[in-house]
Protein backbone atom coordinates (compact mmCIF):
# COMPACT_ATOMS: atom_id res chain seq x y z
CA ASN A 1 2.98 13.08 -19.43
CA PRO A 2 2.41 9.66 -17.79
CA HIS A 3 4.37 10.70 -14.69
CA GLY A 4 2.58 14.05 -14.30
CA ARG A 5 0.17 13.01 -11.56
CA LEU A 6 2.86 11.15 -9.65
CA ALA A 7 5.29 14.06 -9.99
CA LEU A 8 2.61 16.46 -8.74
CA TRP A 9 1.91 14.16 -5.79
CA HIS A 10 5.65 14.04 -5.08
CA GLN A 11 5.83 17.83 -5.10
CA VAL A 12 3.00 18.01 -2.59
CA GLN A 13 4.57 15.29 -0.41
CA SER A 14 8.08 16.79 -0.59
CA ARG A 15 6.72 20.12 0.67
CA ARG A 16 5.17 18.27 3.63
CA PHE A 17 7.84 15.69 4.40
CA GLY A 18 10.98 16.62 2.46
CA SER A 19 12.31 14.90 -0.65
CA SER A 20 11.68 11.16 -0.81
CA GLY A 21 14.29 10.15 -3.39
CA VAL A 22 11.71 8.04 -5.24
CA THR A 23 12.68 7.18 -8.82
CA LEU A 24 10.69 6.22 -11.90
CA ALA A 25 12.02 4.03 -14.71
CA PRO A 26 10.77 4.48 -18.29
CA ARG A 27 9.12 1.25 -19.38
CA GLY A 28 11.28 -1.05 -21.49
CA ARG A 29 14.25 1.27 -21.96
CA THR A 30 17.77 0.03 -21.21
CA GLU A 31 21.21 1.39 -21.94
CA ALA A 32 23.81 -0.52 -24.02
CA ASP A 33 25.53 -1.74 -20.85
CA GLY A 34 22.30 -3.25 -19.53
CA THR A 35 21.49 -0.57 -16.96
CA ARG A 36 18.08 1.06 -16.89
CA PRO A 37 17.96 4.84 -16.94
CA THR A 38 15.69 6.25 -14.27
CA THR A 39 14.38 9.68 -13.59
CA THR A 40 13.93 11.22 -10.20
CA LEU A 41 10.55 12.80 -9.70
CA ASP A 42 12.05 16.25 -10.25
CA GLY A 43 12.92 15.19 -13.83
CA ALA A 44 16.69 14.64 -13.50
CA TRP A 45 17.97 11.53 -15.31
CA GLN A 46 20.32 9.11 -13.68
CA THR A 47 21.53 5.56 -14.33
CA ARG A 48 21.36 3.05 -11.50
CA ARG A 49 22.78 -0.44 -11.24
CA VAL A 50 21.62 -3.20 -8.96
CA VAL A 51 24.25 -5.60 -7.69
CA ILE A 52 23.22 -8.92 -6.19
CA THR A 53 25.91 -9.82 -3.68
CA GLY A 54 24.19 -12.71 -1.93
CA PHE A 55 21.50 -15.20 -2.79
CA GLY A 56 19.27 -17.34 -0.59
CA ALA A 57 16.33 -19.51 -1.57
CA ILE A 58 13.64 -21.67 -0.04
CA THR A 59 11.71 -23.05 -3.01
CA PRO A 60 9.77 -26.10 -4.15
CA LEU A 61 13.03 -27.13 -5.85
CA GLY A 62 15.11 -27.11 -2.68
CA ASN A 63 15.60 -25.63 0.76
CA ASP A 64 18.76 -23.73 -0.10
CA ARG A 65 20.13 -21.85 -3.08
CA GLU A 66 22.47 -24.57 -4.31
CA THR A 67 19.86 -27.35 -4.27
CA SER A 68 17.26 -25.07 -5.87
CA TRP A 69 19.71 -24.03 -8.60
CA GLN A 70 20.88 -27.57 -9.37
CA ASN A 71 17.29 -28.82 -9.61
CA LEU A 72 16.37 -25.88 -11.81
CA ILE A 73 19.20 -26.34 -14.31
CA SER A 74 18.63 -30.11 -14.30
CA GLY A 75 15.04 -29.52 -15.38
CA ASN A 76 13.52 -31.03 -12.25
CA SER A 77 10.02 -29.96 -11.30
CA GLY A 78 9.05 -28.74 -7.86
CA ALA A 79 5.44 -29.79 -8.43
CA GLY A 80 3.99 -32.91 -6.87
CA PRO A 81 1.02 -34.22 -4.90
CA VAL A 82 -0.39 -31.84 -2.30
CA THR A 83 0.84 -32.86 1.15
CA ALA A 84 0.12 -29.76 3.23
CA PHE A 85 -3.59 -30.62 3.58
CA ASP A 86 -6.14 -33.22 2.47
CA ALA A 87 -6.76 -32.44 -1.20
CA SER A 88 -8.73 -35.61 -1.97
CA ARG A 89 -11.99 -33.68 -2.54
CA LEU A 90 -10.38 -31.17 -4.90
CA ALA A 91 -10.23 -31.48 -8.68
CA VAL A 92 -6.56 -30.50 -8.69
CA ARG A 93 -4.29 -32.33 -6.28
CA ILE A 94 -0.85 -31.10 -7.34
CA ALA A 95 1.08 -28.06 -6.20
CA ALA A 96 4.59 -26.68 -5.97
CA GLU A 97 5.05 -26.93 -2.20
CA VAL A 98 8.17 -26.35 -0.16
CA ARG A 99 8.95 -29.80 1.25
CA GLY A 100 11.27 -30.92 4.02
CA PHE A 101 11.83 -27.43 5.41
CA ASP A 102 12.80 -27.49 9.11
CA PRO A 103 12.17 -24.06 10.65
CA ALA A 104 13.66 -25.26 13.96
CA ALA A 105 17.05 -25.10 12.28
CA PHE A 106 16.61 -21.31 12.07
CA LEU A 107 14.30 -20.27 14.92
CA ASP A 108 13.95 -21.05 18.61
CA ARG A 109 10.72 -22.61 19.92
CA ARG A 110 9.21 -19.31 21.01
CA ARG A 111 9.71 -17.68 17.60
CA LEU A 112 8.48 -20.84 15.87
CA ARG A 113 5.10 -20.48 17.59
CA ARG A 114 4.83 -16.79 16.74
CA THR A 115 6.08 -16.80 13.14
CA ALA A 116 4.02 -17.91 10.16
CA ARG A 117 5.53 -20.42 7.74
CA PHE A 118 5.94 -17.91 4.91
CA ALA A 119 7.93 -15.60 7.20
CA GLN A 120 10.07 -18.55 8.31
CA PHE A 121 10.99 -19.11 4.64
CA ALA A 122 12.01 -15.45 4.36
CA ILE A 123 14.19 -15.63 7.47
CA ALA A 124 15.99 -18.75 6.25
CA ALA A 125 16.54 -17.36 2.73
CA ALA A 126 17.71 -13.98 4.09
CA ARG A 127 20.21 -15.62 6.42
CA GLU A 128 21.57 -17.64 3.51
CA ALA A 129 21.82 -14.52 1.32
CA VAL A 130 23.64 -12.55 4.03
CA THR A 131 26.05 -15.45 4.58
CA ASP A 132 26.59 -15.83 0.82
CA ALA A 133 27.35 -12.12 0.52
CA LYS A 134 29.67 -12.22 3.52
CA LEU A 135 27.73 -9.15 4.62
CA ASP A 136 28.37 -7.56 8.01
CA ILE A 137 25.13 -5.77 8.85
CA GLY A 138 26.49 -4.40 12.12
CA ASP A 139 23.73 -2.73 14.10
CA GLY A 140 21.48 -2.60 11.01
CA ALA A 141 21.35 1.20 10.88
CA ASP A 142 22.49 1.24 7.23
CA ALA A 143 20.48 -1.80 6.10
CA GLY A 144 16.96 -2.27 4.85
CA VAL A 145 14.73 -5.19 3.97
CA VAL A 146 12.42 -5.44 0.98
CA VAL A 147 10.32 -8.56 0.51
CA ASN A 148 7.72 -8.71 -2.22
CA ALA A 149 4.58 -10.49 -1.02
CA ALA A 150 1.09 -9.83 -2.35
CA VAL A 151 -0.79 -12.29 -0.17
CA ALA A 152 0.41 -14.94 2.23
CA GLY A 153 -0.35 -16.70 5.47
CA PHE A 154 -3.43 -18.59 4.29
CA ASP A 155 -2.56 -21.54 6.53
CA THR A 156 -2.46 -19.17 9.51
CA ILE A 157 -5.76 -17.55 8.52
CA GLU A 158 -7.41 -20.94 7.99
CA ALA A 159 -6.25 -22.20 11.40
CA ALA A 160 -7.56 -19.04 13.07
CA THR A 161 -10.91 -19.37 11.29
CA ARG A 162 -11.22 -22.97 12.51
CA GLN A 163 -10.45 -21.80 16.07
CA LEU A 164 -13.16 -19.14 15.90
CA VAL A 165 -15.73 -21.59 14.50
CA ALA A 166 -14.88 -24.02 17.31
CA GLY A 167 -15.41 -21.23 19.86
CA ARG A 168 -11.76 -21.04 20.91
CA PRO A 169 -9.98 -17.70 21.34
CA LEU A 170 -7.44 -16.49 18.82
CA SER A 171 -3.78 -16.14 19.60
CA PRO A 172 -2.69 -12.53 20.13
CA TYR A 173 -0.06 -13.26 17.47
CA PHE A 174 -2.64 -14.11 14.79
CA VAL A 175 -2.85 -10.69 13.14
CA PRO A 176 0.89 -9.94 13.09
CA SER A 177 1.74 -13.42 11.84
CA SER A 178 -0.74 -13.29 8.95
CA LEU A 179 0.12 -9.87 7.47
CA ALA A 180 1.77 -9.93 4.03
CA ASN A 181 4.53 -7.57 5.18
CA MET A 182 5.59 -9.80 8.08
CA PRO A 183 8.44 -11.53 6.20
CA ALA A 184 10.26 -8.19 5.86
CA CYS A 185 9.57 -7.37 9.52
CA GLU A 186 10.74 -10.79 10.72
CA VAL A 187 13.91 -10.62 8.60
CA ALA A 188 14.71 -7.16 9.96
CA ILE A 189 14.16 -8.39 13.53
CA ASP A 190 16.20 -11.52 12.92
CA LEU A 191 19.18 -9.88 11.22
CA GLY A 192 19.22 -6.73 13.31
């Protein structure tokens, strides 16, 4: 049973903390209507649907969903010469960078200083998605934020490293602004 160890872990955790509601999806299996059957860790089968009600995007193809989509379907590339730093000594000098993004359109000066660029992208895209969905979050008690980010904030880490090498102190906001989970935190703070 490929889920045996996870199910056992869940049983141990649910005794300590109560049921988590975590689900597992069998790899590659879908129903005729396109939904994926899932199983709760106690073995009960259920079918879940995901509905996308709003969409926001900050991409190398555009700084909003409509521009990104139009460039995508037109076959335009988001790749171009590196402009974020001097790449003249590198063998590869092209990248798919987000260009022309103005974070001041979304954040006040204080938050601009404290928020890393990758989290600024998340805030802008989340605001666009919430607006597109016509979603009223209210006080946020029934809302959650999930942002997938493996690694991020290299520009923030590089700047902090240069400060340390130069003998200057680090900002107290360095660690929080460079963590990969900060986009989700910043979006939750921003949207309530």
